[in-house]
Amino acid sequence: NLTPATRKKRFLAQLPDLMKGCLSLTSRSCGKPECSTCQRGEKHPICIFTFSVKGKKKRTTIPPKLRKQVQKLLNNYYHYRDLIEELTDINVQLIKKGEFKE
């Protein structure tokens, strides 16, 4: 018999890389007095990843070259979240009909 921890590790090993959170695009000044962009009154575009760890919201800047990869991880999460919601609905219907099997 496998322990619950071993079963969990095996299950997670089958999933693609994924992350739960949100990407947002914004802009800000860099604060450097010699910056020509800021001198023109413009701001630098940045990508922020917002996520939660143990109920605490956190934010980190995502480098432009990693934005597409991070978005793919987020899309993977949403795909599996949607599948879990569908499976939950199916199982609830089976339970209500008395057709749920262990």
N, C-alpha and C. Protein backbone atom coordinates (compact mmCIF):
# COMPACT_ATOMS: atom_id res chain seq x y z
N ASN A 1 0.83 -1.20 0.00
CA ASN A 1 0.00 0.00 0.00
C ASN A 1 0.87 1.26 0.00
N LEU A 2 0.46 2.22 -0.81
CA LEU A 2 1.18 3.48 -0.87
C LEU A 2 0.69 4.43 0.20
N THR A 3 1.60 5.20 0.74
CA THR A 3 1.20 6.22 1.71
C THR A 3 0.51 7.35 0.97
N PRO A 4 -0.32 8.15 1.67
CA PRO A 4 -0.95 9.30 1.02
C PRO A 4 0.07 10.26 0.41
N ALA A 5 1.20 10.45 1.07
CA ALA A 5 2.23 11.35 0.55
C ALA A 5 2.80 10.82 -0.76
N THR A 6 3.02 9.52 -0.84
CA THR A 6 3.55 8.92 -2.07
C THR A 6 2.54 9.03 -3.20
N ARG A 7 1.27 8.77 -2.89
CA ARG A 7 0.22 8.89 -3.91
C ARG A 7 0.14 10.33 -4.42
N LYS A 8 0.24 11.28 -3.52
CA LYS A 8 0.19 12.69 -3.90
C LYS A 8 1.37 13.05 -4.81
N LYS A 9 2.56 12.59 -4.45
CA LYS A 9 3.75 12.87 -5.27
C LYS A 9 3.60 12.27 -6.66
N ARG A 10 3.09 11.07 -6.76
CA ARG A 10 2.92 10.42 -8.06
C ARG A 10 1.88 11.16 -8.90
N PHE A 11 0.81 11.59 -8.26
CA PHE A 11 -0.23 12.33 -8.97
C PHE A 11 0.33 13.65 -9.51
N LEU A 12 1.04 14.38 -8.65
CA LEU A 12 1.57 15.67 -9.05
C LEU A 12 2.63 15.53 -10.16
N ALA A 13 3.35 14.43 -10.16
CA ALA A 13 4.37 14.20 -11.19
C ALA A 13 3.75 14.07 -12.58
N GLN A 14 2.47 13.72 -12.65
CA GLN A 14 1.79 13.55 -13.92
C GLN A 14 1.28 14.87 -14.49
N LEU A 15 1.18 15.89 -13.66
CA LEU A 15 0.65 17.19 -14.11
C LEU A 15 1.74 18.00 -14.81
N PRO A 16 1.32 18.87 -15.73
CA PRO A 16 2.30 19.79 -16.32
C PRO A 16 2.64 20.87 -15.29
N ASP A 17 3.70 21.62 -15.56
CA ASP A 17 4.00 22.76 -14.68
C ASP A 17 2.82 23.72 -14.73
N LEU A 18 2.45 24.23 -13.57
CA LEU A 18 1.36 25.19 -13.50
C LEU A 18 1.55 26.13 -12.32
N MET A 19 0.87 27.26 -12.39
CA MET A 19 0.91 28.25 -11.31
C MET A 19 -0.46 28.89 -11.20
N LYS A 20 -0.83 29.25 -9.99
CA LYS A 20 -2.07 29.97 -9.74
C LYS A 20 -1.72 31.42 -9.44
N GLY A 21 -2.34 32.33 -10.15
CA GLY A 21 -2.07 33.74 -9.93
C GLY A 21 -2.62 34.55 -11.08
N CYS A 22 -2.10 35.77 -11.19
CA CYS A 22 -2.59 36.70 -12.19
C CYS A 22 -1.45 37.55 -12.73
N LEU A 23 -1.41 37.72 -14.04
CA LEU A 23 -0.44 38.61 -14.68
C LEU A 23 -1.13 39.92 -15.02
N SER A 24 -0.46 41.01 -14.77
CA SER A 24 -0.99 42.30 -15.18
C SER A 24 0.13 43.15 -15.76
N LEU A 25 -0.23 43.94 -16.75
CA LEU A 25 0.72 44.83 -17.38
C LEU A 25 0.47 46.24 -16.85
N THR A 26 1.53 46.91 -16.51
CA THR A 26 1.44 48.29 -16.03
C THR A 26 2.71 49.01 -16.44
N SER A 27 2.89 50.21 -15.97
CA SER A 27 4.12 50.94 -16.28
C SER A 27 4.51 51.78 -15.07
N ARG A 28 5.80 52.09 -15.00
CA ARG A 28 6.29 52.90 -13.89
C ARG A 28 7.59 53.60 -14.30
N SER A 29 7.89 54.63 -13.55
CA SER A 29 9.15 55.34 -13.75
C SER A 29 10.26 54.56 -13.07
N CYS A 30 11.44 54.60 -13.66
CA CYS A 30 12.56 53.86 -13.07
C CYS A 30 13.24 54.67 -11.95
N GLY A 31 13.06 55.98 -11.97
CA GLY A 31 13.65 56.81 -10.93
C GLY A 31 15.05 57.30 -11.21
N LYS A 32 15.61 56.90 -12.35
CA LYS A 32 16.96 57.35 -12.70
C LYS A 32 16.88 58.73 -13.35
N PRO A 33 17.59 59.70 -12.79
CA PRO A 33 17.51 61.07 -13.33
C PRO A 33 17.95 61.17 -14.80
N GLU A 34 18.85 60.30 -15.24
CA GLU A 34 19.37 60.37 -16.60
C GLU A 34 18.54 59.58 -17.62
N CYS A 35 17.46 58.96 -17.19
CA CYS A 35 16.64 58.12 -18.09
C CYS A 35 15.89 59.00 -19.08
N SER A 36 16.15 58.80 -20.38
CA SER A 36 15.50 59.61 -21.42
C SER A 36 14.00 59.32 -21.50
N THR A 37 13.61 58.09 -21.23
CA THR A 37 12.18 57.73 -21.26
C THR A 37 11.44 58.53 -20.20
N CYS A 38 11.95 58.51 -18.99
CA CYS A 38 11.30 59.22 -17.88
C CYS A 38 11.37 60.73 -18.09
N GLN A 39 12.45 61.23 -18.67
CA GLN A 39 12.58 62.66 -18.94
C GLN A 39 11.51 63.13 -19.92
N ARG A 40 11.08 62.26 -20.82
CA ARG A 40 10.02 62.60 -21.77
C ARG A 40 8.64 62.48 -21.13
N GLY A 41 8.59 62.08 -19.87
CA GLY A 41 7.31 61.91 -19.19
C GLY A 41 6.67 60.56 -19.44
N GLU A 42 7.40 59.67 -20.08
CA GLU A 42 6.90 58.32 -20.35
C GLU A 42 7.32 57.38 -19.23
N LYS A 43 6.71 56.20 -19.21
CA LYS A 43 7.05 55.20 -18.19
C LYS A 43 7.48 53.91 -18.87
N HIS A 44 8.13 53.06 -18.11
CA HIS A 44 8.60 51.75 -18.60
C HIS A 44 7.51 50.71 -18.36
N PRO A 45 7.18 49.91 -19.40
CA PRO A 45 6.18 48.85 -19.20
C PRO A 45 6.76 47.72 -18.35
N ILE A 46 5.95 47.20 -17.45
CA ILE A 46 6.38 46.06 -16.62
C ILE A 46 5.23 45.06 -16.50
N CYS A 47 5.58 43.83 -16.24
CA CYS A 47 4.61 42.75 -16.05
C CYS A 47 4.71 42.30 -14.59
N ILE A 48 3.58 42.31 -13.91
CA ILE A 48 3.53 41.94 -12.49
C ILE A 48 2.76 40.63 -12.34
N PHE A 49 3.32 39.69 -11.60
CA PHE A 49 2.64 38.44 -11.26
C PHE A 49 2.19 38.54 -9.82
N THR A 50 0.88 38.42 -9.60
CA THR A 50 0.30 38.48 -8.26
C THR A 50 -0.17 37.08 -7.89
N PHE A 51 0.16 36.65 -6.67
CA PHE A 51 -0.19 35.30 -6.23
C PHE A 51 -0.34 35.30 -4.71
N SER A 52 -0.84 34.21 -4.16
CA SER A 52 -1.01 34.07 -2.72
C SER A 52 -0.19 32.91 -2.19
N VAL A 53 0.39 33.12 -1.02
CA VAL A 53 1.09 32.05 -0.31
C VAL A 53 0.55 32.05 1.11
N LYS A 54 -0.10 30.95 1.48
CA LYS A 54 -0.69 30.81 2.80
C LYS A 54 -1.59 32.00 3.15
N GLY A 55 -2.39 32.41 2.16
CA GLY A 55 -3.36 33.49 2.37
C GLY A 55 -2.80 34.90 2.27
N LYS A 56 -1.51 35.04 2.06
CA LYS A 56 -0.91 36.37 1.94
C LYS A 56 -0.62 36.67 0.47
N LYS A 57 -1.12 37.84 0.02
CA LYS A 57 -0.87 38.23 -1.36
C LYS A 57 0.56 38.68 -1.54
N LYS A 58 1.14 38.24 -2.65
CA LYS A 58 2.51 38.62 -2.98
C LYS A 58 2.55 39.05 -4.44
N ARG A 59 3.56 39.83 -4.78
CA ARG A 59 3.75 40.30 -6.14
C ARG A 59 5.21 40.20 -6.51
N THR A 60 5.46 39.90 -7.77
CA THR A 60 6.83 39.90 -8.27
C THR A 60 6.81 40.36 -9.73
N THR A 61 7.88 40.98 -10.14
CA THR A 61 8.01 41.44 -11.52
C THR A 61 8.49 40.27 -12.39
N ILE A 62 7.88 40.13 -13.55
CA ILE A 62 8.25 39.08 -14.48
C ILE A 62 9.04 39.72 -15.63
N PRO A 63 10.25 39.23 -15.89
CA PRO A 63 11.03 39.77 -17.02
C PRO A 63 10.26 39.56 -18.34
N PRO A 64 10.35 40.50 -19.26
CA PRO A 64 9.62 40.39 -20.53
C PRO A 64 9.87 39.06 -21.26
N LYS A 65 11.09 38.55 -21.20
CA LYS A 65 11.39 37.31 -21.93
C LYS A 65 10.70 36.09 -21.33
N LEU A 66 10.20 36.18 -20.09
CA LEU A 66 9.52 35.05 -19.44
C LEU A 66 8.00 35.17 -19.41
N ARG A 67 7.48 36.28 -19.91
CA ARG A 67 6.04 36.54 -19.82
C ARG A 67 5.21 35.43 -20.47
N LYS A 68 5.58 35.00 -21.68
CA LYS A 68 4.82 33.95 -22.37
C LYS A 68 4.88 32.63 -21.61
N GLN A 69 6.03 32.30 -21.05
CA GLN A 69 6.17 31.05 -20.29
C GLN A 69 5.30 31.08 -19.03
N VAL A 70 5.30 32.21 -18.34
CA VAL A 70 4.48 32.34 -17.14
C VAL A 70 3.00 32.25 -17.52
N GLN A 71 2.62 32.89 -18.61
CA GLN A 71 1.22 32.82 -19.05
C GLN A 71 0.82 31.38 -19.36
N LYS A 72 1.73 30.60 -19.93
CA LYS A 72 1.45 29.18 -20.20
C LYS A 72 1.20 28.42 -18.90
N LEU A 73 1.99 28.68 -17.87
CA LEU A 73 1.78 28.02 -16.57
C LEU A 73 0.43 28.39 -15.98
N LEU A 74 0.04 29.65 -16.13
CA LEU A 74 -1.26 30.10 -15.64
C LEU A 74 -2.38 29.43 -16.43
N ASN A 75 -2.22 29.34 -17.75
CA ASN A 75 -3.23 28.67 -18.58
C ASN A 75 -3.37 27.21 -18.19
N ASN A 76 -2.26 26.54 -17.87
CA ASN A 76 -2.31 25.15 -17.42
C ASN A 76 -3.13 25.04 -16.14
N TYR A 77 -2.91 25.96 -15.22
CA TYR A 77 -3.67 25.96 -13.96
C TYR A 77 -5.16 26.10 -14.24
N TYR A 78 -5.54 27.08 -15.08
CA TYR A 78 -6.97 27.31 -15.35
C TYR A 78 -7.60 26.11 -16.05
N HIS A 79 -6.85 25.45 -16.92
CA HIS A 79 -7.36 24.26 -17.59
C HIS A 79 -7.70 23.18 -16.57
N TYR A 80 -6.78 22.91 -15.66
CA TYR A 80 -7.03 21.86 -14.66
C TYR A 80 -8.08 22.28 -13.65
N ARG A 81 -8.14 23.56 -13.32
CA ARG A 81 -9.18 24.05 -12.42
C ARG A 81 -10.55 23.80 -13.04
N ASP A 82 -10.69 24.12 -14.33
CA ASP A 82 -11.96 23.91 -15.02
C ASP A 82 -12.32 22.43 -15.07
N LEU A 83 -11.33 21.56 -15.32
CA LEU A 83 -11.60 20.12 -15.33
C LEU A 83 -12.07 19.63 -13.97
N ILE A 84 -11.46 20.12 -12.92
CA ILE A 84 -11.85 19.73 -11.55
C ILE A 84 -13.28 20.18 -11.26
N GLU A 85 -13.64 21.38 -11.71
CA GLU A 85 -15.01 21.86 -11.50
C GLU A 85 -16.01 20.98 -12.25
N GLU A 86 -15.67 20.59 -13.48
CA GLU A 86 -16.55 19.71 -14.25
C GLU A 86 -16.69 18.35 -13.58
N LEU A 87 -15.57 17.80 -13.12
CA LEU A 87 -15.60 16.50 -12.45
C LEU A 87 -16.42 16.57 -11.16
N THR A 88 -16.29 17.66 -10.44
CA THR A 88 -17.08 17.85 -9.22
C THR A 88 -18.57 17.83 -9.54
N ASP A 89 -18.96 18.55 -10.58
CA ASP A 89 -20.37 18.59 -10.98
C ASP A 89 -20.87 17.20 -11.36
N ILE A 90 -20.07 16.46 -12.13
CA ILE A 90 -20.45 15.11 -12.53
C ILE A 90 -20.62 14.21 -11.31
N ASN A 91 -19.67 14.27 -10.37
CA ASN A 91 -19.75 13.41 -9.19
C ASN A 91 -20.93 13.78 -8.30
N VAL A 92 -21.24 15.05 -8.17
CA VAL A 92 -22.41 15.46 -7.37
C VAL A 92 -23.69 14.92 -8.00
N GLN A 93 -23.79 14.99 -9.33
CA GLN A 93 -24.97 14.45 -10.00
C GLN A 93 -25.08 12.94 -9.77
N LEU A 94 -23.95 12.23 -9.84
CA LEU A 94 -23.96 10.78 -9.59
C LEU A 94 -24.37 10.47 -8.16
N ILE A 95 -23.88 11.25 -7.21
CA ILE A 95 -24.25 11.05 -5.80
C ILE A 95 -25.75 11.25 -5.62
N LYS A 96 -26.31 12.31 -6.22
CA LYS A 96 -27.74 12.59 -6.10
C LYS A 96 -28.58 11.47 -6.70
N LYS A 97 -28.11 10.86 -7.78
CA LYS A 97 -28.84 9.76 -8.42
C LYS A 97 -28.59 8.42 -7.74
N GLY A 98 -27.67 8.40 -6.78
CA GLY A 98 -27.33 7.13 -6.12
C GLY A 98 -26.48 6.23 -6.98
N GLU A 99 -25.80 6.80 -7.95
CA GLU A 99 -25.00 6.02 -8.90
C GLU A 99 -23.50 6.20 -8.68
N PHE A 100 -23.10 6.88 -7.64
CA PHE A 100 -21.67 7.12 -7.38
C PHE A 100 -21.02 5.85 -6.87
N LYS A 101 -19.89 5.48 -7.47
CA LYS A 101 -19.17 4.29 -7.06
C LYS A 101 -17.78 4.66 -6.60
N GLU A 102 -17.34 4.01 -5.55
CA GLU A 102 -15.99 4.28 -5.02
C GLU A 102 -14.92 3.71 -5.92
